[in-house]
Amino acid sequence: MSFTEPLSVTLSGSTSSLPRTGGGEHDGEYTSADGLIQVTASHNYGKRVRRMLRLDIKKIAPDPFRPDENREVSMSCYMVFDVPEDGFTVTEQQAAYAAFKGLATASSDLLITKVLGGEF
């Protein structure tokens, strides 16, 4: 089952439309027209169930070793839910996500800013 298309991602004030561009039985990919932004959702089933939502971003940036040349760089940001096959309802899993989101976004994303700065 796929998400409602297209997905919409706002990055630094600019919104991109991401139609579905691929996927299989347990995953889906959504990519911007320029190929620089991609969202992937996947589900892995085993002893535990792993559900992932991932945002990948590419851009062209100056090469720090050759300032007159540019290179493609990329980054990813993703969230994984790792749960047993049973024991936690979807409602309980969503409550855990809400608690995590509250922790991460409190005080204008201060905890995320600290993590990105190397603190722990």
N, C-alpha and C. Protein backbone atom coordinates (compact mmCIF):
# COMPACT_ATOMS: atom_id res chain seq x y z
N MET A 1 0.85 -1.17 0.00
CA MET A 1 0.00 0.00 0.00
C MET A 1 0.89 1.23 0.00
N SER A 2 0.62 2.19 -0.86
CA SER A 2 1.47 3.36 -0.97
C SER A 2 0.79 4.60 -0.37
N PHE A 3 1.63 5.61 -0.12
CA PHE A 3 1.14 6.88 0.41
C PHE A 3 0.33 7.60 -0.66
N THR A 4 -0.44 8.59 -0.23
CA THR A 4 -1.12 9.47 -1.17
C THR A 4 -0.07 10.31 -1.87
N GLU A 5 -0.14 10.37 -3.18
CA GLU A 5 0.86 11.09 -3.96
C GLU A 5 0.34 12.42 -4.45
N PRO A 6 1.26 13.31 -4.76
CA PRO A 6 2.69 13.25 -4.44
C PRO A 6 2.94 13.66 -3.00
N LEU A 7 4.07 13.22 -2.44
CA LEU A 7 4.48 13.73 -1.14
C LEU A 7 4.97 15.15 -1.33
N SER A 8 4.93 15.93 -0.29
CA SER A 8 5.38 17.32 -0.35
C SER A 8 6.42 17.53 0.75
N VAL A 9 7.60 18.00 0.37
CA VAL A 9 8.68 18.24 1.32
C VAL A 9 9.09 19.70 1.23
N THR A 10 9.13 20.39 2.37
CA THR A 10 9.58 21.78 2.41
C THR A 10 10.95 21.82 3.05
N LEU A 11 11.95 22.27 2.29
CA LEU A 11 13.33 22.32 2.72
C LEU A 11 13.82 23.75 2.59
N SER A 12 14.18 24.36 3.72
CA SER A 12 14.66 25.75 3.73
C SER A 12 13.69 26.69 3.03
N GLY A 13 12.39 26.47 3.25
CA GLY A 13 11.37 27.36 2.71
C GLY A 13 10.92 27.04 1.30
N SER A 14 11.56 26.09 0.64
CA SER A 14 11.20 25.72 -0.73
C SER A 14 10.51 24.35 -0.72
N THR A 15 9.32 24.30 -1.30
CA THR A 15 8.53 23.07 -1.30
C THR A 15 8.75 22.29 -2.59
N SER A 16 8.99 20.99 -2.45
CA SER A 16 9.17 20.10 -3.60
C SER A 16 8.10 19.03 -3.60
N SER A 17 7.64 18.70 -4.79
CA SER A 17 6.66 17.63 -4.98
C SER A 17 7.43 16.35 -5.29
N LEU A 18 7.06 15.26 -4.60
CA LEU A 18 7.76 13.99 -4.77
C LEU A 18 6.76 12.89 -5.16
N PRO A 19 6.60 12.62 -6.45
CA PRO A 19 5.75 11.51 -6.86
C PRO A 19 6.45 10.18 -6.59
N ARG A 20 5.69 9.11 -6.56
CA ARG A 20 6.27 7.77 -6.36
C ARG A 20 7.10 7.42 -7.59
N THR A 21 8.34 6.99 -7.35
CA THR A 21 9.25 6.67 -8.45
C THR A 21 9.75 5.23 -8.40
N GLY A 22 9.40 4.50 -7.37
CA GLY A 22 9.85 3.11 -7.29
C GLY A 22 9.39 2.45 -6.03
N GLY A 23 9.82 1.23 -5.88
CA GLY A 23 9.48 0.48 -4.68
C GLY A 23 9.12 -0.95 -5.02
N GLY A 24 8.87 -1.69 -3.97
CA GLY A 24 8.54 -3.10 -4.13
C GLY A 24 7.41 -3.49 -3.20
N GLU A 25 7.44 -4.74 -2.78
CA GLU A 25 6.38 -5.27 -1.94
C GLU A 25 6.34 -4.61 -0.56
N HIS A 26 7.50 -4.25 -0.02
CA HIS A 26 7.57 -3.71 1.34
C HIS A 26 8.24 -2.33 1.41
N ASP A 27 8.36 -1.64 0.28
CA ASP A 27 8.99 -0.32 0.31
C ASP A 27 8.48 0.55 -0.84
N GLY A 28 8.69 1.83 -0.68
CA GLY A 28 8.32 2.79 -1.70
C GLY A 28 9.30 3.95 -1.73
N GLU A 29 9.55 4.50 -2.92
CA GLU A 29 10.45 5.64 -3.08
C GLU A 29 9.70 6.77 -3.77
N TYR A 30 9.96 7.98 -3.32
CA TYR A 30 9.33 9.18 -3.84
C TYR A 30 10.45 10.18 -4.10
N THR A 31 10.54 10.70 -5.33
CA THR A 31 11.69 11.50 -5.72
C THR A 31 11.26 12.79 -6.40
N SER A 32 11.98 13.87 -6.10
CA SER A 32 11.72 15.16 -6.74
C SER A 32 12.13 15.09 -8.21
N ALA A 33 11.60 15.99 -9.02
CA ALA A 33 11.87 15.99 -10.46
C ALA A 33 13.36 16.14 -10.76
N ASP A 34 14.09 16.89 -9.94
CA ASP A 34 15.52 17.08 -10.18
C ASP A 34 16.38 15.97 -9.57
N GLY A 35 15.74 15.03 -8.85
CA GLY A 35 16.45 13.91 -8.27
C GLY A 35 17.25 14.23 -7.02
N LEU A 36 17.14 15.44 -6.51
CA LEU A 36 17.94 15.86 -5.36
C LEU A 36 17.30 15.52 -4.01
N ILE A 37 16.01 15.26 -3.99
CA ILE A 37 15.31 14.93 -2.75
C ILE A 37 14.58 13.61 -2.95
N GLN A 38 14.74 12.70 -1.99
CA GLN A 38 14.05 11.41 -2.07
C GLN A 38 13.56 11.01 -0.68
N VAL A 39 12.35 10.48 -0.64
CA VAL A 39 11.79 9.92 0.58
C VAL A 39 11.59 8.43 0.34
N THR A 40 12.03 7.61 1.29
CA THR A 40 11.86 6.16 1.21
C THR A 40 11.12 5.69 2.46
N ALA A 41 10.15 4.83 2.27
CA ALA A 41 9.47 4.17 3.38
C ALA A 41 9.68 2.68 3.16
N SER A 42 10.07 1.96 4.23
CA SER A 42 10.28 0.52 4.08
C SER A 42 9.88 -0.22 5.34
N HIS A 43 9.60 -1.49 5.15
CA HIS A 43 9.20 -2.37 6.25
C HIS A 43 9.97 -3.68 6.10
N ASN A 44 10.69 -4.07 7.15
CA ASN A 44 11.43 -5.34 7.16
C ASN A 44 10.83 -6.23 8.23
N TYR A 45 10.55 -7.46 7.85
CA TYR A 45 9.90 -8.40 8.75
C TYR A 45 10.85 -9.56 9.08
N GLY A 46 11.01 -9.84 10.36
CA GLY A 46 11.83 -10.93 10.84
C GLY A 46 11.39 -11.24 12.26
N LYS A 47 12.35 -11.47 13.16
CA LYS A 47 12.00 -11.67 14.57
C LYS A 47 11.39 -10.39 15.14
N ARG A 48 11.83 -9.26 14.57
CA ARG A 48 11.26 -7.97 14.93
C ARG A 48 10.84 -7.29 13.63
N VAL A 49 9.97 -6.30 13.75
CA VAL A 49 9.52 -5.55 12.59
C VAL A 49 10.22 -4.19 12.63
N ARG A 50 10.87 -3.84 11.53
CA ARG A 50 11.55 -2.54 11.42
C ARG A 50 10.85 -1.72 10.35
N ARG A 51 10.34 -0.57 10.76
CA ARG A 51 9.65 0.33 9.84
C ARG A 51 10.48 1.62 9.76
N MET A 52 10.80 2.05 8.55
CA MET A 52 11.68 3.19 8.39
C MET A 52 11.07 4.23 7.44
N LEU A 53 11.25 5.49 7.81
CA LEU A 53 10.93 6.62 6.94
C LEU A 53 12.20 7.43 6.83
N ARG A 54 12.67 7.65 5.58
CA ARG A 54 13.99 8.25 5.37
C ARG A 54 13.90 9.37 4.34
N LEU A 55 14.61 10.46 4.63
CA LEU A 55 14.73 11.60 3.72
C LEU A 55 16.19 11.71 3.30
N ASP A 56 16.46 11.65 2.00
CA ASP A 56 17.81 11.82 1.45
C ASP A 56 17.84 13.11 0.64
N ILE A 57 18.91 13.89 0.84
CA ILE A 57 19.07 15.16 0.15
C ILE A 57 20.45 15.21 -0.48
N LYS A 58 20.50 15.62 -1.75
CA LYS A 58 21.76 15.81 -2.46
C LYS A 58 21.86 17.27 -2.88
N LYS A 59 23.10 17.75 -2.99
CA LYS A 59 23.32 19.09 -3.52
C LYS A 59 24.75 19.17 -4.07
N ILE A 60 25.01 20.22 -4.80
CA ILE A 60 26.35 20.49 -5.32
C ILE A 60 26.98 21.52 -4.39
N ALA A 61 28.20 21.22 -3.93
CA ALA A 61 28.90 22.12 -2.99
C ALA A 61 30.37 22.21 -3.39
N PRO A 62 31.03 23.29 -2.99
CA PRO A 62 32.46 23.42 -3.30
C PRO A 62 33.27 22.30 -2.66
N ASP A 63 34.24 21.79 -3.38
CA ASP A 63 35.15 20.78 -2.86
C ASP A 63 36.13 21.50 -1.93
N PRO A 64 36.22 21.09 -0.65
CA PRO A 64 37.09 21.82 0.29
C PRO A 64 38.58 21.71 -0.08
N PHE A 65 38.96 20.71 -0.87
CA PHE A 65 40.35 20.53 -1.25
C PHE A 65 40.68 21.14 -2.60
N ARG A 66 39.64 21.44 -3.38
CA ARG A 66 39.79 22.08 -4.68
C ARG A 66 38.70 23.15 -4.80
N PRO A 67 38.91 24.31 -4.19
CA PRO A 67 37.86 25.34 -4.13
C PRO A 67 37.29 25.77 -5.48
N ASP A 68 38.04 25.56 -6.55
CA ASP A 68 37.55 25.94 -7.87
C ASP A 68 36.68 24.86 -8.51
N GLU A 69 36.50 23.73 -7.79
CA GLU A 69 35.67 22.64 -8.29
C GLU A 69 34.52 22.35 -7.34
N ASN A 70 33.44 21.86 -7.91
CA ASN A 70 32.27 21.47 -7.11
C ASN A 70 32.12 19.96 -7.13
N ARG A 71 31.40 19.44 -6.13
CA ARG A 71 31.14 18.00 -6.06
C ARG A 71 29.75 17.79 -5.49
N GLU A 72 29.21 16.61 -5.74
CA GLU A 72 27.90 16.27 -5.17
C GLU A 72 28.11 15.73 -3.76
N VAL A 73 27.31 16.24 -2.83
CA VAL A 73 27.32 15.76 -1.45
C VAL A 73 25.89 15.35 -1.11
N SER A 74 25.77 14.50 -0.10
CA SER A 74 24.44 14.06 0.28
C SER A 74 24.36 13.88 1.79
N MET A 75 23.14 13.90 2.28
CA MET A 75 22.88 13.63 3.69
C MET A 75 21.56 12.88 3.79
N SER A 76 21.36 12.21 4.92
CA SER A 76 20.14 11.48 5.18
C SER A 76 19.64 11.79 6.58
N CYS A 77 18.36 11.74 6.73
CA CYS A 77 17.72 11.89 8.03
C CYS A 77 16.60 10.85 8.05
N TYR A 78 16.62 9.97 9.07
CA TYR A 78 15.60 8.93 9.07
C TYR A 78 15.20 8.51 10.47
N MET A 79 14.03 7.89 10.52
CA MET A 79 13.49 7.38 11.76
C MET A 79 13.15 5.91 11.56
N VAL A 80 13.52 5.10 12.55
CA VAL A 80 13.23 3.67 12.49
C VAL A 80 12.41 3.29 13.71
N PHE A 81 11.35 2.55 13.46
CA PHE A 81 10.56 1.95 14.53
C PHE A 81 10.95 0.48 14.56
N ASP A 82 11.49 0.02 15.67
CA ASP A 82 11.93 -1.37 15.82
C ASP A 82 11.07 -1.99 16.91
N VAL A 83 10.12 -2.83 16.50
CA VAL A 83 9.14 -3.37 17.44
C VAL A 83 9.05 -4.89 17.32
N PRO A 84 8.62 -5.55 18.39
CA PRO A 84 8.40 -7.00 18.28
C PRO A 84 7.18 -7.24 17.39
N GLU A 85 7.05 -8.48 16.93
CA GLU A 85 5.92 -8.82 16.06
C GLU A 85 4.58 -8.53 16.73
N ASP A 86 4.52 -8.70 18.04
CA ASP A 86 3.30 -8.36 18.78
C ASP A 86 3.69 -7.90 20.17
N GLY A 87 2.78 -7.25 20.85
CA GLY A 87 3.04 -6.76 22.20
C GLY A 87 2.83 -5.26 22.33
N PHE A 88 2.99 -4.53 21.22
CA PHE A 88 2.73 -3.09 21.22
C PHE A 88 1.69 -2.81 20.14
N THR A 89 0.61 -2.18 20.51
CA THR A 89 -0.41 -1.82 19.53
C THR A 89 0.09 -0.64 18.71
N VAL A 90 -0.57 -0.39 17.59
CA VAL A 90 -0.23 0.78 16.77
C VAL A 90 -0.41 2.05 17.61
N THR A 91 -1.44 2.10 18.44
CA THR A 91 -1.68 3.26 19.30
C THR A 91 -0.52 3.47 20.27
N GLU A 92 0.00 2.39 20.85
CA GLU A 92 1.14 2.49 21.77
C GLU A 92 2.41 2.92 21.03
N GLN A 93 2.57 2.42 19.82
CA GLN A 93 3.73 2.82 19.02
C GLN A 93 3.64 4.31 18.66
N GLN A 94 2.46 4.75 18.34
CA GLN A 94 2.26 6.17 18.01
C GLN A 94 2.49 7.04 19.24
N ALA A 95 2.12 6.56 20.42
CA ALA A 95 2.37 7.31 21.66
C ALA A 95 3.87 7.43 21.91
N ALA A 96 4.63 6.37 21.62
CA ALA A 96 6.09 6.43 21.77
C ALA A 96 6.67 7.45 20.79
N TYR A 97 6.16 7.47 19.56
CA TYR A 97 6.61 8.46 18.58
C TYR A 97 6.28 9.88 19.06
N ALA A 98 5.08 10.09 19.58
CA ALA A 98 4.69 11.42 20.07
C ALA A 98 5.62 11.88 21.19
N ALA A 99 6.00 10.95 22.07
CA ALA A 99 6.93 11.29 23.16
C ALA A 99 8.30 11.65 22.59
N PHE A 100 8.77 10.88 21.61
CA PHE A 100 10.05 11.14 20.97
C PHE A 100 10.04 12.49 20.26
N LYS A 101 8.97 12.74 19.50
CA LYS A 101 8.83 14.00 18.77
C LYS A 101 8.81 15.18 19.74
N GLY A 102 8.11 15.03 20.87
CA GLY A 102 8.07 16.09 21.87
C GLY A 102 9.44 16.37 22.45
N LEU A 103 10.19 15.31 22.73
CA LEU A 103 11.56 15.46 23.23
C LEU A 103 12.44 16.17 22.20
N ALA A 104 12.35 15.73 20.96
CA ALA A 104 13.21 16.27 19.91
C ALA A 104 12.89 17.71 19.55
N THR A 105 11.63 18.11 19.63
CA THR A 105 11.24 19.45 19.17
C THR A 105 11.08 20.46 20.30
N ALA A 106 11.22 20.04 21.55
CA ALA A 106 11.07 20.96 22.68
C ALA A 106 12.08 22.10 22.58
N SER A 107 11.70 23.25 23.06
CA SER A 107 12.56 24.44 23.08
C SER A 107 13.17 24.72 21.71
N SER A 108 12.32 24.78 20.70
CA SER A 108 12.75 25.11 19.33
C SER A 108 13.83 24.18 18.82
N ASP A 109 13.62 22.88 19.00
CA ASP A 109 14.53 21.85 18.49
C ASP A 109 15.91 21.89 19.14
N LEU A 110 16.00 22.35 20.38
CA LEU A 110 17.29 22.50 21.04
C LEU A 110 18.04 21.18 21.14
N LEU A 111 17.36 20.08 21.47
CA LEU A 111 18.05 18.80 21.59
C LEU A 111 18.65 18.36 20.25
N ILE A 112 17.91 18.54 19.17
CA ILE A 112 18.42 18.19 17.84
C ILE A 112 19.62 19.07 17.50
N THR A 113 19.54 20.35 17.80
CA THR A 113 20.67 21.26 17.54
C THR A 113 21.90 20.79 18.30
N LYS A 114 21.72 20.36 19.53
CA LYS A 114 22.85 19.86 20.33
C LYS A 114 23.42 18.57 19.75
N VAL A 115 22.55 17.65 19.35
CA VAL A 115 23.01 16.40 18.75
C VAL A 115 23.79 16.69 17.46
N LEU A 116 23.25 17.57 16.61
CA LEU A 116 23.94 17.91 15.36
C LEU A 116 25.27 18.60 15.62
N GLY A 117 25.39 19.24 16.78
CA GLY A 117 26.65 19.86 17.17
C GLY A 117 27.62 18.91 17.85
N GLY A 118 27.23 17.64 18.00
CA GLY A 118 28.14 16.65 18.56
C GLY A 118 27.95 16.36 20.03
N GLU A 119 26.95 16.95 20.65
CA GLU A 119 26.74 16.69 22.08
C GLU A 119 25.98 15.37 22.29
N PHE A 120 26.14 14.82 23.48
CA PHE A 120 25.38 13.62 23.86
C PHE A 120 25.15 13.60 25.34
